[in-house]
């Protein structure tokens, strides 16, 4: 009998604790100002992400342009070297 009353007492205390916690934890709601701040923050984050993607695409395009110019320069240098050798060979042939 004593065990039963202790079990009931523990069970009722547990139920009261759960009930008390549930009543106090559900009382918070976001205010209009907090919701507006969250929406503004979200919009700013989306804008920043879009700006990042735009700048990344621009940087990739610029890198492609640099690579194309480097290839063009290499080709021009090879052509210059070829012409210089041809001029030297002609001078040597004319000088003999």
PDB file of N, CA and C in Angstrom:
ATOM      1  N   UNK A   1       0.812  -1.183   0.000  1.00  0.00           N
ATOM      2  CA  UNK A   1       0.000   0.000   0.000  1.00  0.00           C
ATOM      3  C   UNK A   1       0.860   1.253   0.000  1.00  0.00           C
ATOM      4  N   UNK A   2       1.944   1.193   0.800  1.00  0.00           N
ATOM      5  CA  UNK A   2       2.821   2.351   0.880  1.00  0.00           C
ATOM      6  C   UNK A   2       3.501   2.599  -0.461  1.00  0.00           C
ATOM      7  N   UNK A   3       3.881   1.488  -1.173  1.00  0.00           N
ATOM      8  CA  UNK A   3       4.502   1.630  -2.475  1.00  0.00           C
ATOM      9  C   UNK A   3       3.547   2.276  -3.460  1.00  0.00           C
ATOM     10  N   UNK A   4       2.292   1.943  -3.403  1.00  0.00           N
ATOM     11  CA  UNK A   4       1.298   2.473  -4.316  1.00  0.00           C
ATOM     12  C   UNK A   4       1.109   3.971  -4.106  1.00  0.00           C
ATOM     13  N   UNK A   5       1.068   4.403  -2.858  1.00  0.00           N
ATOM     14  CA  UNK A   5       0.873   5.839  -2.597  1.00  0.00           C
ATOM     15  C   UNK A   5       2.106   6.635  -3.028  1.00  0.00           C
ATOM     16  N   UNK A   6       3.309   6.065  -2.859  1.00  0.00           N
ATOM     17  CA  UNK A   6       4.527   6.736  -3.325  1.00  0.00           C
ATOM     18  C   UNK A   6       4.538   6.839  -4.845  1.00  0.00           C
ATOM     19  N   UNK A   7       4.102   5.777  -5.522  1.00  0.00           N
ATOM     20  CA  UNK A   7       4.050   5.784  -6.985  1.00  0.00           C
ATOM     21  C   UNK A   7       3.059   6.821  -7.482  1.00  0.00           C
ATOM     22  N   UNK A   8       1.913   6.898  -6.827  1.00  0.00           N
ATOM     23  CA  UNK A   8       0.901   7.890  -7.218  1.00  0.00           C
ATOM     24  C   UNK A   8       1.430   9.295  -6.967  1.00  0.00           C
ATOM     25  N   UNK A   9       2.100   9.492  -5.860  1.00  0.00           N
ATOM     26  CA  UNK A   9       2.661  10.809  -5.542  1.00  0.00           C
ATOM     27  C   UNK A   9       3.710  11.207  -6.590  1.00  0.00           C
ATOM     28  N   UNK A  10       4.608  10.287  -6.957  1.00  0.00           N
ATOM     29  CA  UNK A  10       5.650  10.567  -7.943  1.00  0.00           C
ATOM     30  C   UNK A  10       5.016  10.837  -9.306  1.00  0.00           C
ATOM     31  N   UNK A  11       4.023  10.033  -9.669  1.00  0.00           N
ATOM     32  CA  UNK A  11       3.341  10.202 -10.948  1.00  0.00           C
ATOM     33  C   UNK A  11       2.623  11.545 -11.011  1.00  0.00           C
ATOM     34  N   UNK A  12       1.937  11.908  -9.939  1.00  0.00           N
ATOM     35  CA  UNK A  12       1.214  13.187  -9.928  1.00  0.00           C
ATOM     36  C   UNK A  12       2.188  14.361  -9.953  1.00  0.00           C
ATOM     37  N   UNK A  13       3.317  14.253  -9.287  1.00  0.00           N
ATOM     38  CA  UNK A  13       4.324  15.330  -9.324  1.00  0.00           C
ATOM     39  C   UNK A  13       4.901  15.460 -10.738  1.00  0.00           C
ATOM     40  N   UNK A  14       5.131  14.335 -11.399  1.00  0.00           N
ATOM     41  CA  UNK A  14       5.630  14.351 -12.767  1.00  0.00           C
ATOM     42  C   UNK A  14       4.640  15.001 -13.716  1.00  0.00           C
ATOM     43  N   UNK A  15       3.353  14.656 -13.542  1.00  0.00           N
ATOM     44  CA  UNK A  15       2.315  15.261 -14.382  1.00  0.00           C
ATOM     45  C   UNK A  15       2.221  16.762 -14.146  1.00  0.00           C
ATOM     46  N   UNK A  16       2.301  17.177 -12.907  1.00  0.00           N
ATOM     47  CA  UNK A  16       2.268  18.613 -12.602  1.00  0.00           C
ATOM     48  C   UNK A  16       3.471  19.336 -13.216  1.00  0.00           C
ATOM     49  N   UNK A  17       4.622  18.696 -13.165  1.00  0.00           N
ATOM     50  CA  UNK A  17       5.817  19.294 -13.741  1.00  0.00           C
ATOM     51  C   UNK A  17       5.672  19.441 -15.255  1.00  0.00           C
ATOM     52  N   UNK A  18       5.191  18.394 -15.908  1.00  0.00           N
ATOM     53  CA  UNK A  18       4.992  18.445 -17.366  1.00  0.00           C
ATOM     54  C   UNK A  18       3.946  19.488 -17.722  1.00  0.00           C
ATOM     55  N   UNK A  19       2.859  19.544 -16.998  1.00  0.00           N
ATOM     56  CA  UNK A  19       1.807  20.524 -17.247  1.00  0.00           C
ATOM     57  C   UNK A  19       2.335  21.943 -17.051  1.00  0.00           C
ATOM     58  N   UNK A  20       3.092  22.155 -16.012  1.00  0.00           N
ATOM     59  CA  UNK A  20       3.655  23.483 -15.743  1.00  0.00           C
ATOM     60  C   UNK A  20       4.614  23.922 -16.839  1.00  0.00           C
ATOM     61  N   UNK A  21       5.450  23.005 -17.274  1.00  0.00           N
ATOM     62  CA  UNK A  21       6.388  23.342 -18.348  1.00  0.00           C
ATOM     63  C   UNK A  21       5.667  23.629 -19.661  1.00  0.00           C
ATOM     64  N   UNK A  22       4.620  22.865 -19.962  1.00  0.00           N
ATOM     65  CA  UNK A  22       3.914  23.073 -21.221  1.00  0.00           C
ATOM     66  C   UNK A  22       3.162  24.397 -21.227  1.00  0.00           C
ATOM     67  N   UNK A  23       2.658  24.826 -20.096  1.00  0.00           N
ATOM     68  CA  UNK A  23       1.943  26.098 -20.029  1.00  0.00           C
ATOM     69  C   UNK A  23       2.887  27.291 -20.168  1.00  0.00           C
ATOM     70  N   UNK A  24       4.068  27.171 -19.647  1.00  0.00           N
ATOM     71  CA  UNK A  24       4.985  28.314 -19.683  1.00  0.00           C
ATOM     72  C   UNK A  24       5.794  28.376 -20.963  1.00  0.00           C
ATOM     73  N   UNK A  25       5.955  27.280 -21.684  1.00  0.00           N
ATOM     74  CA  UNK A  25       6.836  27.289 -22.847  1.00  0.00           C
ATOM     75  C   UNK A  25       6.130  27.683 -24.136  1.00  0.00           C
ATOM     76  N   UNK A  26       4.834  27.714 -24.192  1.00  0.00           N
ATOM     77  CA  UNK A  26       4.120  27.996 -25.439  1.00  0.00           C
ATOM     78  C   UNK A  26       3.612  29.427 -25.508  1.00  0.00           C
ATOM     79  N   UNK A  27       4.056  30.285 -24.670  1.00  0.00           N
ATOM     80  CA  UNK A  27       3.506  31.628 -24.620  1.00  0.00           C
ATOM     81  C   UNK A  27       4.184  32.637 -25.505  1.00  0.00           C
ATOM     82  N   UNK A  28       5.277  32.315 -26.198  1.00  0.00           N
ATOM     83  CA  UNK A  28       6.015  33.301 -26.975  1.00  0.00           C
ATOM     84  C   UNK A  28       5.551  33.319 -28.411  1.00  0.00           C
ATOM     85  N   UNK A  29       5.301  34.515 -28.907  1.00  0.00           N
ATOM     86  CA  UNK A  29       5.001  34.702 -30.326  1.00  0.00           C
ATOM     87  C   UNK A  29       5.883  35.828 -30.831  1.00  0.00           C
ATOM     88  N   UNK A  30       6.296  35.724 -32.082  1.00  0.00           N
ATOM     89  CA  UNK A  30       7.120  36.771 -32.680  1.00  0.00           C
ATOM     90  C   UNK A  30       6.258  38.002 -32.919  1.00  0.00           C
ATOM     91  N   UNK A  31       6.831  39.150 -32.616  1.00  0.00           N
ATOM     92  CA  UNK A  31       6.103  40.395 -32.850  1.00  0.00           C
ATOM     93  C   UNK A  31       6.209  40.770 -34.330  1.00  0.00           C
ATOM     94  N   UNK A  32       5.389  41.706 -34.753  1.00  0.00           N
ATOM     95  CA  UNK A  32       5.433  42.172 -36.152  1.00  0.00           C
ATOM     96  C   UNK A  32       6.803  42.743 -36.484  1.00  0.00           C
ATOM     97  N   UNK A  33       7.378  43.441 -35.534  1.00  0.00           N
ATOM     98  CA  UNK A  33       8.705  44.028 -35.748  1.00  0.00           C
ATOM     99  C   UNK A  33       9.767  42.935 -35.937  1.00  0.00           C
ATOM    100  N   UNK A  34       9.690  41.889 -35.131  1.00  0.00           N
ATOM    101  CA  UNK A  34      10.636  40.788 -35.266  1.00  0.00           C
ATOM    102  C   UNK A  34      10.455  40.049 -36.594  1.00  0.00           C
ATOM    103  N   UNK A  35       9.217  39.873 -37.008  1.00  0.00           N
ATOM    104  CA  UNK A  35       8.949  39.223 -38.288  1.00  0.00           C
ATOM    105  C   UNK A  35       9.477  40.078 -39.429  1.00  0.00           C
ATOM    106  N   UNK A  36       9.255  41.377 -39.348  1.00  0.00           N
ATOM    107  CA  UNK A  36       9.746  42.287 -40.387  1.00  0.00           C
ATOM    108  C   UNK A  36      11.277  42.264 -40.443  1.00  0.00           C
ATOM    109  N   UNK A  37      11.914  42.252 -39.284  1.00  0.00           N
ATOM    110  CA  UNK A  37      13.381  42.194 -39.241  1.00  0.00           C
ATOM    111  C   UNK A  37      13.889  40.895 -39.859  1.00  0.00           C
ATOM    112  N   UNK A  38      13.224  39.797 -39.557  1.00  0.00           N
ATOM    113  CA  UNK A  38      13.611  38.513 -40.145  1.00  0.00           C
ATOM    114  C   UNK A  38      13.450  38.525 -41.662  1.00  0.00           C
ATOM    115  N   UNK A  39      12.365  39.100 -42.148  1.00  0.00           N
ATOM    116  CA  UNK A  39      12.136  39.183 -43.598  1.00  0.00           C
ATOM    117  C   UNK A  39      13.188  40.072 -44.272  1.00  0.00           C
ATOM    118  N   UNK A  40      13.515  41.194 -43.634  1.00  0.00           N
ATOM    119  CA  UNK A  40      14.544  42.080 -44.188  1.00  0.00           C
ATOM    120  C   UNK A  40      15.900  41.385 -44.224  1.00  0.00           C
ATOM    121  N   UNK A  41      16.204  40.652 -43.175  1.00  0.00           N
ATOM    122  CA  UNK A  41      17.462  39.911 -43.117  1.00  0.00           C
ATOM    123  C   UNK A  41      17.502  38.844 -44.195  1.00  0.00           C
ATOM    124  N   UNK A  42      16.398  38.159 -44.383  1.00  0.00           N
ATOM    125  CA  UNK A  42      16.311  37.130 -45.419  1.00  0.00           C
ATOM    126  C   UNK A  42      16.496  37.748 -46.806  1.00  0.00           C
ATOM    127  N   UNK A  43      15.834  38.873 -47.056  1.00  0.00           N
ATOM    128  CA  UNK A  43      15.961  39.545 -48.349  1.00  0.00           C
ATOM    129  C   UNK A  43      17.397  40.006 -48.585  1.00  0.00           C
ATOM    130  N   UNK A  44      18.024  40.537 -47.546  1.00  0.00           N
ATOM    131  CA  UNK A  44      19.418  40.977 -47.668  1.00  0.00           C
ATOM    132  C   UNK A  44      20.331  39.797 -47.958  1.00  0.00           C
ATOM    133  N   UNK A  45      20.080  38.667 -47.325  1.00  0.00           N
ATOM    134  CA  UNK A  45      20.903  37.476 -47.573  1.00  0.00           C
ATOM    135  C   UNK A  45      20.731  36.994 -49.008  1.00  0.00           C
ATOM    136  N   UNK A  46      19.507  37.008 -49.505  1.00  0.00           N
ATOM    137  CA  UNK A  46      19.269  36.601 -50.897  1.00  0.00           C
ATOM    138  C   UNK A  46      19.942  37.559 -51.880  1.00  0.00           C
ATOM    139  N   UNK A  47      19.868  38.866 -51.592  1.00  0.00           N
ATOM    140  CA  UNK A  47      20.541  39.856 -52.439  1.00  0.00           C
ATOM    141  C   UNK A  47      22.050  39.652 -52.433  1.00  0.00           C
ATOM    142  N   UNK A  48      22.601  39.378 -51.270  1.00  0.00           N
ATOM    143  CA  UNK A  48      24.045  39.153 -51.163  1.00  0.00           C
ATOM    144  C   UNK A  48      24.453  37.900 -51.935  1.00  0.00           C
ATOM    145  N   UNK A  49      23.653  36.865 -51.865  1.00  0.00           N
ATOM    146  CA  UNK A  49      23.936  35.631 -52.606  1.00  0.00           C
ATOM    147  C   UNK A  49      23.902  35.881 -54.111  1.00  0.00           C
ATOM    148  N   UNK A  50      22.922  36.663 -54.562  1.00  0.00           N
ATOM    149  CA  UNK A  50      22.821  36.985 -55.992  1.00  0.00           C
ATOM    150  C   UNK A  50      24.017  37.826 -56.427  1.00  0.00           C
ATOM    151  N   UNK A  51      24.393  38.806 -55.616  1.00  0.00           N
ATOM    152  CA  UNK A  51      25.554  39.635 -55.946  1.00  0.00           C
ATOM    153  C   UNK A  51      26.822  38.789 -56.010  1.00  0.00           C
ATOM    154  N   UNK A  52      26.960  37.846 -55.101  1.00  0.00           N
ATOM    155  CA  UNK A  52      28.112  36.943 -55.102  1.00  0.00           C
ATOM    156  C   UNK A  52      28.158  36.127 -56.389  1.00  0.00           C
ATOM    157  N   UNK A  53      27.017  35.579 -56.774  1.00  0.00           N
ATOM    158  CA  UNK A  53      26.961  34.773 -57.998  1.00  0.00           C
ATOM    159  C   UNK A  53      27.291  35.631 -59.223  1.00  0.00           C
ATOM    160  N   UNK A  54      26.780  36.875 -59.256  1.00  0.00           N
ATOM    161  CA  UNK A  54      27.079  37.773 -60.375  1.00  0.00           C
ATOM    162  C   UNK A  54      28.570  38.079 -60.452  1.00  0.00           C
ATOM    163  N   UNK A  55      29.177  38.381 -59.313  1.00  0.00           N
ATOM    164  CA  UNK A  55      30.607  38.694 -59.287  1.00  0.00           C
ATOM    165  C   UNK A  55      31.447  37.472 -59.644  1.00  0.00           C
ATOM    166  N   UNK A  56      31.008  36.319 -59.216  1.00  0.00           N
ATOM    167  CA  UNK A  56      31.729  35.084 -59.544  1.00  0.00           C
ATOM    168  C   UNK A  56      31.686  34.840 -61.051  1.00  0.00           C
ATOM    169  N   UNK A  57      30.512  35.044 -61.666  1.00  0.00           N
ATOM    170  CA  UNK A  57      30.380  34.873 -63.112  1.00  0.00           C
ATOM    171  C   UNK A  57      31.248  35.901 -63.847  1.00  0.00           C
ATOM    172  N   UNK A  58      31.277  37.122 -63.339  1.00  0.00           N
ATOM    173  CA  UNK A  58      32.107  38.170 -63.945  1.00  0.00           C
ATOM    174  C   UNK A  58      33.594  37.812 -63.835  1.00  0.00           C
ATOM    175  N   UNK A  59      33.995  37.313 -62.688  1.00  0.00           N
ATOM    176  CA  UNK A  59      35.397  36.922 -62.496  1.00  0.00           C
ATOM    177  C   UNK A  59      35.769  35.763 -63.420  1.00  0.00           C
ATOM    178  N   UNK A  60      34.868  34.809 -63.584  1.00  0.00           N
ATOM    179  CA  UNK A  60      35.125  33.689 -64.498  1.00  0.00           C
ATOM    180  C   UNK A  60      35.281  34.185 -65.936  1.00  0.00           C
ATOM    181  N   UNK A  61      34.429  35.124 -66.329  1.00  0.00           N
ATOM    182  CA  UNK A  61      34.509  35.692 -67.676  1.00  0.00           C
ATOM    183  C   UNK A  61      35.833  36.433 -67.875  1.00  0.00           C
ATOM    184  N   UNK A  62      36.223  37.213 -66.886  1.00  0.00           N
ATOM    185  CA  UNK A  62      37.498  37.935 -66.979  1.00  0.00           C
ATOM    186  C   UNK A  62      38.680  36.970 -67.049  1.00  0.00           C
ATOM    187  N   UNK A  63      38.606  35.878 -66.308  1.00  0.00           N
ATOM    188  CA  UNK A  63      39.682  34.885 -66.354  1.00  0.00           C
ATOM    189  C   UNK A  63      39.770  34.246 -67.733  1.00  0.00           C
ATOM    190  N   UNK A  64      38.610  33.985 -68.342  1.00  0.00           N
ATOM    191  CA  UNK A  64      38.619  33.441 -69.708  1.00  0.00           C
ATOM    192  C   UNK A  64      39.253  34.438 -70.679  1.00  0.00           C
ATOM    193  N   UNK A  65      38.963  35.716 -70.503  1.00  0.00           N
ATOM    194  CA  UNK A  65      39.562  36.743 -71.363  1.00  0.00           C
ATOM    195  C   UNK A  65      41.077  36.797 -71.180  1.00  0.00           C
ATOM    196  N   UNK A  66      41.533  36.715 -69.933  1.00  0.00           N
ATOM    197  CA  UNK A  66      42.974  36.730 -69.653  1.00  0.00           C
ATOM    198  C   UNK A  66      43.640  35.516 -70.297  1.00  0.00           C
ATOM    199  N   UNK A  67      43.023  34.354 -70.163  1.00  0.00           N
ATOM    200  CA  UNK A  67      43.582  33.141 -70.759  1.00  0.00           C
ATOM    201  C   UNK A  67      43.664  33.268 -72.280  1.00  0.00           C
ATOM    202  N   UNK A  68      42.634  33.852 -72.898  1.00  0.00           N
ATOM    203  CA  UNK A  68      42.639  34.039 -74.353  1.00  0.00           C
ATOM    204  C   UNK A  68      43.753  35.006 -74.763  1.00  0.00           C
ATOM    205  N   UNK A  69      43.935  36.077 -74.004  1.00  0.00           N
ATOM    206  CA  UNK A  69      44.996  37.048 -74.318  1.00  0.00           C
ATOM    207  C   UNK A  69      46.377  36.418 -74.145  1.00  0.00           C
ATOM    208  N   UNK A  70      46.534  35.574 -73.122  1.00  0.00           N
ATOM    209  CA  UNK A  70      47.824  34.894 -72.928  1.00  0.00           C
ATOM    210  C   UNK A  70      48.123  33.964 -74.100  1.00  0.00           C
ATOM    211  N   UNK A  71      47.107  33.254 -74.576  1.00  0.00           N
ATOM    212  CA  UNK A  71      47.299  32.363 -75.724  1.00  0.00           C
ATOM    213  C   UNK A  71      47.641  33.181 -76.970  1.00  0.00           C
ATOM    214  N   UNK A  72      46.975  34.305 -77.136  1.00  0.00           N
ATOM    215  CA  UNK A  72      47.256  35.194 -78.269  1.00  0.00           C
ATOM    216  C   UNK A  72      48.684  35.729 -78.192  1.00  0.00           C
ATOM    217  N   UNK A  73      49.133  36.118 -77.002  1.00  0.00           N
ATOM    218  CA  UNK A  73      50.489  36.619 -76.808  1.00  0.00           C
ATOM    219  C   UNK A  73      51.509  35.535 -77.129  1.00  0.00           C
ATOM    220  N   UNK A  74      51.258  34.325 -76.666  1.00  0.00           N
ATOM    221  CA  UNK A  74      52.172  33.216 -76.930  1.00  0.00           C
ATOM    222  C   UNK A  74      52.287  32.961 -78.434  1.00  0.00           C
ATOM    223  N   UNK A  75      51.167  33.014 -79.118  1.00  0.00           N
ATOM    224  CA  UNK A  75      51.160  32.814 -80.566  1.00  0.00           C
ATOM    225  C   UNK A  75      51.942  33.933 -81.263  1.00  0.00           C
ATOM    226  N   UNK A  76      51.742  35.177 -80.817  1.00  0.00           N
ATOM    227  CA  UNK A  76      52.451  36.316 -81.412  1.00  0.00           C
ATOM    228  C   UNK A  76      53.951  36.215 -81.153  1.00  0.00           C
ATOM    229  N   UNK A  77      54.338  35.772 -79.967  1.00  0.00           N
ATOM    230  CA  UNK A  77      55.763  35.616 -79.662  1.00  0.00           C
ATOM    231  C   UNK A  77      56.394  34.525 -80.533  1.00  0.00           C
ATOM    232  N   UNK A  78      55.665  33.444 -80.754  1.00  0.00           N
ATOM    233  CA  UNK A  78      56.180  32.378 -81.618  1.00  0.00           C
ATOM    234  C   UNK A  78      56.340  32.893 -83.045  1.00  0.00           C
ATOM    235  N   UNK A  79      55.391  33.668 -83.515  1.00  0.00           N
ATOM    236  CA  UNK A  79      55.470  34.254 -84.862  1.00  0.00           C
ATOM    237  C   UNK A  79      56.642  35.220 -84.962  1.00  0.00           C
ATOM    238  N   UNK A  80      56.833  36.023 -83.906  1.00  0.00           N
ATOM    239  CA  UNK A  80      57.956  36.974 -83.887  1.00  0.00           C
ATOM    240  C   UNK A  80      59.283  36.219 -83.961  1.00  0.00           C
ATOM    241  N   UNK A  81      59.396  35.150 -83.178  1.00  0.00           N
ATOM    242  CA  UNK A  81      60.619  34.348 -83.176  1.00  0.00           C
ATOM    243  C   UNK A  81      60.867  33.754 -84.563  1.00  0.00           C
ATOM    244  N   UNK A  82      59.838  33.276 -85.201  1.00  0.00           N
ATOM    245  CA  UNK A  82      59.946  32.698 -86.540  1.00  0.00           C
ATOM    246  C   UNK A  82      60.418  33.753 -87.557  1.00  0.00           C
ATOM    247  N   UNK A  83      59.843  34.934 -87.473  1.00  0.00           N
ATOM    248  CA  UNK A  83      60.234  36.020 -88.390  1.00  0.00           C
ATOM    249  C   UNK A  83      61.662  36.460 -88.112  1.00  0.00           C
ATOM    250  N   UNK A  84      62.047  36.561 -86.849  1.00  0.00           N
ATOM    251  CA  UNK A  84      63.419  36.966 -86.505  1.00  0.00           C
ATOM    252  C   UNK A  84      64.430  35.969 -87.057  1.00  0.00           C
ATOM    253  N   UNK A  85      64.150  34.685 -86.945  1.00  0.00           N
ATOM    254  CA  UNK A  85      65.052  33.666 -87.485  1.00  0.00           C
ATOM    255  C   UNK A  85      65.136  33.767 -89.008  1.00  0.00           C
ATOM    256  N   UNK A  86      64.016  34.045 -89.654  1.00  0.00           N
ATOM    257  CA  UNK A  86      64.003  34.169 -91.114  1.00  0.00           C
ATOM    258  C   UNK A  86      64.816  35.382 -91.549  1.00  0.00           C
ATOM    259  N   UNK A  87      64.704  36.496 -90.809  1.00  0.00           N
ATOM    260  CA  UNK A  87      65.471  37.712 -91.132  1.00  0.00           C
ATOM    261  C   UNK A  87      66.961  37.443 -90.943  1.00  0.00           C
ATOM    262  N   UNK A  88      67.329  36.788 -89.849  1.00  0.00           N
ATOM    263  CA  UNK A  88      68.744  36.483 -89.603  1.00  0.00           C
ATOM    264  C   UNK A  88      69.293  35.555 -90.689  1.00  0.00           C
ATOM    265  N   UNK A  89      68.488  34.578 -91.094  1.00  0.00           N
ATOM    266  CA  UNK A  89      68.934  33.652 -92.146  1.00  0.00           C
ATOM    267  C   UNK A  89      69.124  34.396 -93.473  1.00  0.00           C
ATOM    268  N   UNK A  90      68.263  35.317 -93.770  1.00  0.00           N
ATOM    269  CA  UNK A  90      68.367  36.104 -95.015  1.00  0.00           C
ATOM    270  C   UNK A  90      69.602  37.000 -94.961  1.00  0.00           C
ATOM    271  N   UNK A  91      69.832  37.653 -93.811  1.00  0.00           N
ATOM    272  CA  UNK A  91      71.006  38.512 -93.674  1.00  0.00           C
ATOM    273  C   UNK A  91      72.277  37.676 -93.854  1.00  0.00           C
ATOM    274  N   UNK A  92      72.294  36.505 -93.266  1.00  0.00           N
ATOM    275  CA  UNK A  92      73.450  35.631 -93.372  1.00  0.00           C
ATOM    276  C   UNK A  92      73.653  35.185 -94.816  1.00  0.00           C
ATOM    277  N   UNK A  93      72.561  34.916 -95.533  1.00  0.00           N
ATOM    278  CA  UNK A  93      72.672  34.487 -96.926  1.00  0.00           C
ATOM    279  C   UNK A  93      73.106  35.637 -97.806  1.00  0.00           C
ATOM    280  N   UNK A  94      72.640  36.845 -97.528  1.00  0.00           N
ATOM    281  CA  UNK A  94      73.020  38.014 -98.311  1.00  0.00           C
ATOM    282  C   UNK A  94      74.463  38.423 -98.027  1.00  0.00           C
ATOM    283  N   UNK A  95      74.912  38.220 -96.831  1.00  0.00           N
ATOM    284  CA  UNK A  95      76.255  38.592 -96.432  1.00  0.00           C
ATOM    285  C   UNK A  95      77.308  37.689 -97.012  1.00  0.00           C
ATOM    286  N   UNK A  96      76.992  36.535 -97.396  1.00  0.00           N
ATOM    287  CA  UNK A  96      78.015  35.591 -97.908  1.00  0.00           C
ATOM    288  C   UNK A  96      78.331  35.859 -99.282  1.00  0.00           C
TER     289      UNK A  96
END
